[in-house]
C-alpha atoms as a PDB file:
ATOM      1  CA  MET A   1      99.482  73.179  94.940  1.00  0.00           C
ATOM      2  CA  LEU A   2     101.298  74.118  98.127  1.00  0.00           C
ATOM      3  CA  ALA A   3     104.049  75.787  96.100  1.00  0.00           C
ATOM      4  CA  GLY A   4     101.431  77.823  94.262  1.00  0.00           C
ATOM      5  CA  GLN A   5      99.864  78.963  97.538  1.00  0.00           C
ATOM      6  CA  HIS A   6     103.230  79.912  99.004  1.00  0.00           C
ATOM      7  CA  LEU A   7     104.229  81.806  95.867  1.00  0.00           C
ATOM      8  CA  SER A   8     100.946  83.707  95.841  1.00  0.00           C
ATOM      9  CA  MET A   9     101.333  84.639  99.475  1.00  0.00           C
ATOM     10  CA  LEU A  10     104.937  85.738  98.955  1.00  0.00           C
ATOM     11  CA  MET A  11     103.882  87.956  96.056  1.00  0.00           C
ATOM     12  CA  ALA A  12     101.163  89.530  98.228  1.00  0.00           C
ATOM     13  CA  LEU A  13     103.648  90.148 101.021  1.00  0.00           C
ATOM     14  CA  GLU A  14     106.100  91.808  98.627  1.00  0.00           C
ATOM     15  CA  LYS A  15     103.379  94.244  97.486  1.00  0.00           C
ATOM     16  CA  ARG A  16     102.471  95.126 101.048  1.00  0.00           C
ATOM     17  CA  GLY A  17     103.982  98.155 102.776  1.00  0.00           C
ATOM     18  CA  HIS A  18     106.449  97.521 105.598  1.00  0.00           C
ATOM     19  CA  ALA A  19     104.193  99.198 108.172  1.00  0.00           C
ATOM     20  CA  ASP A  20     100.908  97.822 106.869  1.00  0.00           C
ATOM     21  CA  GLN A  21      98.675  96.771 109.743  1.00  0.00           C
ATOM     22  CA  PHE A  22      95.718  95.423 107.795  1.00  0.00           C
ATOM     23  CA  LEU A  23      94.940  91.729 107.561  1.00  0.00           C
ATOM     24  CA  LEU A  24      96.595  90.093 104.576  1.00  0.00           C
ATOM     25  CA  ARG A  25      94.088  88.060 102.674  1.00  0.00           C
ATOM     26  CA  ALA A  26      95.329  84.923 101.030  1.00  0.00           C
ATOM     27  CA  PRO A  27      95.280  85.508  97.276  1.00  0.00           C
ATOM     28  CA  SER A  28      94.209  82.844  94.809  1.00  0.00           C
ATOM     29  CA  PRO A  29      96.931  80.204  94.569  1.00  0.00           C
ATOM     30  CA  ILE A  30      98.901  79.897  91.387  1.00  0.00           C
ATOM     31  CA  ILE A  31      97.787  76.727  89.679  1.00  0.00           C
ATOM     32  CA  PHE A  32     100.586  74.788  87.993  1.00  0.00           C
ATOM     33  CA  SER A  33     100.001  72.424  85.106  1.00  0.00           C
ATOM     34  CA  ASP A  34     101.214  68.863  85.638  1.00  0.00           C
ATOM     35  CA  GLN A  35     104.202  69.592  83.416  1.00  0.00           C
ATOM     36  CA  ASP A  36     105.056  72.837  85.301  1.00  0.00           C
ATOM     37  CA  ALA A  37     104.650  71.044  88.630  1.00  0.00           C
ATOM     38  CA  GLN A  38     107.106  68.384  87.533  1.00  0.00           C
ATOM     39  CA  HIS A  39     109.579  71.038  86.370  1.00  0.00           C
ATOM     40  CA  LEU A  40     109.256  72.784  89.718  1.00  0.00           C
ATOM     41  CA  LEU A  41     109.882  69.517  91.627  1.00  0.00           C
ATOM     42  CA  ASP A  42     112.914  68.821  89.411  1.00  0.00           C
ATOM     43  CA  ALA A  43     114.220  72.326  90.039  1.00  0.00           C
ATOM     44  CA  VAL A  44     113.970  72.192  93.817  1.00  0.00           C
ATOM     45  CA  LYS A  45     115.157  68.604  94.281  1.00  0.00           C
ATOM     46  CA  PRO A  46     118.898  69.444  94.383  1.00  0.00           C
ATOM     47  CA  ALA A  47     118.351  72.263  96.908  1.00  0.00           C
ATOM     48  CA  ARG A  48     116.327  69.973  99.154  1.00  0.00           C
ATOM     49  CA  ALA A  49     119.222  67.481  99.066  1.00  0.00           C
ATOM     50  CA  HIS A  50     121.655  70.219 100.302  1.00  0.00           C
ATOM     51  CA  PRO A  51     120.255  71.873 103.435  1.00  0.00           C
ATOM     52  CA  GLU A  52     123.707  73.339 104.069  1.00  0.00           C
ATOM     53  CA  TRP A  53     123.131  75.723 101.139  1.00  0.00           C
ATOM     54  CA  VAL A  54     121.012  77.882 103.428  1.00  0.00           C
ATOM     55  CA  THR A  55     124.199  79.396 104.859  1.00  0.00           C
ATOM     56  CA  ALA A  56     126.987  80.308 102.522  1.00  0.00           C
ATOM     57  CA  ILE A  57     129.534  80.710 105.290  1.00  0.00           C
ATOM     58  CA  GLU A  58     131.074  77.258 105.121  1.00  0.00           C
ATOM     59  CA  LEU A  59     130.517  76.440 101.460  1.00  0.00           C
ATOM     60  CA  THR A  60     133.394  75.799  99.149  1.00  0.00           C
ATOM     61  CA  ALA A  61     133.622  77.709  95.882  1.00  0.00           C
ATOM     62  CA  GLY A  62     132.267  74.683  94.033  1.00  0.00           C
ATOM     63  CA  GLN A  63     129.337  74.279  96.382  1.00  0.00           C
ATOM     64  CA  ARG A  64     128.572  77.975  96.122  1.00  0.00           C
ATOM     65  CA  LYS A  65     128.623  77.760  92.319  1.00  0.00           C
ATOM     66  CA  GLN A  66     126.343  74.691  92.372  1.00  0.00           C
ATOM     67  CA  ARG A  67     123.894  76.498  94.684  1.00  0.00           C
ATOM     68  CA  ASP A  68     123.950  79.659  92.556  1.00  0.00           C
ATOM     69  CA  ASP A  69     123.396  77.683  89.357  1.00  0.00           C
ATOM     70  CA  GLN A  70     120.441  75.900  90.941  1.00  0.00           C
ATOM     71  CA  ASN A  71     119.056  79.250  92.106  1.00  0.00           C
ATOM     72  CA  ASP A  72     119.355  80.629  88.562  1.00  0.00           C
ATOM     73  CA  SER A  73     117.560  77.568  87.212  1.00  0.00           C
ATOM     74  CA  LEU A  74     114.677  78.065  89.645  1.00  0.00           C
ATOM     75  CA  CYS A  75     114.450  81.776  88.810  1.00  0.00           C
ATOM     76  CA  GLN A  76     114.266  80.939  85.108  1.00  0.00           C
ATOM     77  CA  PHE A  77     111.466  78.491  85.790  1.00  0.00           C
ATOM     78  CA  PHE A  78     109.365  81.212  87.463  1.00  0.00           C
ATOM     79  CA  ARG A  79     110.154  83.718  84.736  1.00  0.00           C
ATOM     80  CA  SER A  80     108.976  81.183  82.152  1.00  0.00           C
ATOM     81  CA  LEU A  81     105.510  80.855  83.677  1.00  0.00           C
ATOM     82  CA  PRO A  82     102.749  82.450  81.638  1.00  0.00           C
ATOM     83  CA  ARG A  83     101.775  85.798  83.116  1.00  0.00           C
ATOM     84  CA  ALA A  84      98.153  84.635  83.370  1.00  0.00           C
ATOM     85  CA  GLN A  85      99.194  82.199  86.115  1.00  0.00           C
ATOM     86  CA  VAL A  86     100.809  84.880  88.221  1.00  0.00           C
ATOM     87  CA  HIS A  87      97.994  86.777  89.920  1.00  0.00           C
ATOM     88  CA  THR A  88      99.136  90.295  90.794  1.00  0.00           C
END
């Protein structure tokens, strides 16, 4: 549920103009099915185990590839969500 709230807020922020001064209202959170929630947890687990991935400065080529592959996997997960779940 928290991931759905954060994703909804991020999407609202991306739509907002850079100089917008109006209050940003929290949009409806994206509701994940149990199966989608488990896929999301599985997708972020490796990243949570590697906090050093946040900075690419000291990563080896292998670590960078592992991080990039994990990033691609997470992006594919979000692209696979039904459009009805993504409130725009």
